[in-house]
Amino acid sequence: MPLSLLLLSLLGLLFSPSNSLSLSFPLTSHSVSSREASLSLSSKTKSHGKFPFQYSNALVVSVPIGSPPQQMDMVVDTGSQLSWIQCHGKVRRKSVKPMINWFDPYLSSSFSFLPCNTTLCRPRIPDFTLPTSCDPTRHCHYSYFYADGTLAEGNLVTEKFTFSNSLTTRSLLLGCATASTQNRGMLGMNTGRLSFISQAKISKFSYCVPDRTGSDLTGLFYLGDNPNSAKFKYVNMLTFPKSRLSPNLDKSAYTLPMKGIRIGNNKLNISPAVFKPDPSGAGQTMIDSGSDLTYLVDEAYSKVREEMVRLVGPMMKKGYEYAAVADMCFDGAVAAAVGRRIGDMWFQFENGVEILVGKGEGLLTEVEEGVKCVGIGRSDRLVTESNIIGNVHQQNMWVEYDLSNKRIGFGVAKCSGLKA
C-alpha cells in the first residue's frame, strides 16, 4: 500500500549537504545503577560532535528534538523500526524509576500530530505492521509491543531532529508516548521504511560498546563513515523479498548468515540449519543493539549449555534461573574461575569469518547483585523462534551497519576511552 503524499514528504534528507555537524555536549552524571559513557556522532561529511551516551545494558544517546531542541534520551535499537520519545504522561509500571526527561510538545513550534486520515491510520502497510487507531481528538494513536513484553503507546507525530540552529532539518515521523514501561525513548534503526535511518537517508552507522567491568565506560557512535573500517571483517547480510510471506520472519531486521559457535577449541555440534530461516522464517539470526542478552533457539542453546556443564557444571548456581530465560549462572565469587575455565567464545559466519564475542569472565554478565550468568537466553521463552545477537556479545568491538553494501562489519577494539 503506497504512503500518502503527506508521509512521502516526511522521508526527505535529514542532514542538508551544505551543513556540517560539529557539536560538543557535556557528559552528565547519573546514579550508580545507570552507567555512563560518551558517544560521538559523525555525519556524512565526517565532521562530528560528542553526545551523552548512557550505558546501562543499553546504548542511550541524548538527541536534540524539536524547535527549539529538547534533549531526549533514546535507546539506539537496531531491532525495531518506530522511533518514539517520552511525552508528558504516566509510566505504567511502578518498578520503573521516575527519572524520565519528558518531551513537552507545547514548547516546540515544529511539533505536529498525525491526523487520522493518513495512510498509517488505515490498515497496516507492508513492513510496518504497527497497530494504529483514531483517538477521540482525531489524532493517530499507536501501541507498540516488544518481544520482552515492554510497550509504549501514544500518538504518531512529526517533529524535527534539530542538531543545531544552522542545520537544516525536516520533520520525521515518530511516536509521542504518553504511557510506557520504559523510562527512555527509542531510536528505531532497522531497515524499515519509517525507521530513523530510512527517513534520514543514512546509509551507514556504527558503534563501539565498552565492556561492563571497567571504570571508564566511554564508547563511540557514528552516523556515516567510520575511520576504523579498513580493519573490519565484513559479513554479508541476508535479505528477503518483500513479497515473501513468512509468519516468523522479520524482513526489516539485520539478518546474518551464522554457521556455528566455537567455545575455546571446541566447535559445538550444532547444525547450521538452526541459524538459517526456514520457510516459516524460524531460525532467523539477527543482530540487535536493543537486546541486552543473546538468545538462541532451543537446539543451539542446549548445545551451549551442554558445553558449559562439561566445563564448569559443578560451579553453576543450582536451581537458579534469571528472568525465566537463562540458567547458566554463577555466584559472583567464582566468576573469575568460571571465566578461566570457559575461555573464549566465537560466533562463526559464512566464508570462514569468526568473531570473538567474549573472553573469560567477560562472557558473564551481572544480572543481580552477586550473581553472574553467561549472557545467553532461550528464545522460545520470548515466544519467538529466532536467534538474536544482543549487545552483551557486542562489547569491545566496532559493529558497522553498511546498508549500501548490505553487510555488517566487525572490528576488535578497546571501546573504553575511544576518541572521535
Foldseek 3Di string as FASTA:
>chain_A
DDFDPVQVVLLDAFFDPVDAFAEEDDADDDDPQWAWAKAWEAAQVRHIYIFTFIPNLFTWTFFFWAVVTDTFIATEKQPFAAWEWEAAADEDDPPEDQPADHDYQVVGPFKFFAFCPTPPNDQDDQLGRWHWHQDPVRGIKTWDADLVGWIFIDTWIWIHRDSDPPTDGGTAIHYHTRYTNHRGIHQHNFQDCRGPCNSNVQQKKKKAFAFDPDPFGYIYIYGHDDPVQVQWDKFFFDADDSPQAAQQANRRFGFGQWQFKDWDNRTFPDGSVLCAQDSNGFNTEGEISGDSFWEGADRRVVRVVVVLCVQPVVQFDPPDDAPVWFRQKGFPVCLQVSQVRRAWMWIAGPPGDIDTQAGRSLQWDDPDVRMIGRRYTHCVVSVHRYTYHYCSSRHQWMWMRRNVRRIIIIGGHNRRPDDD
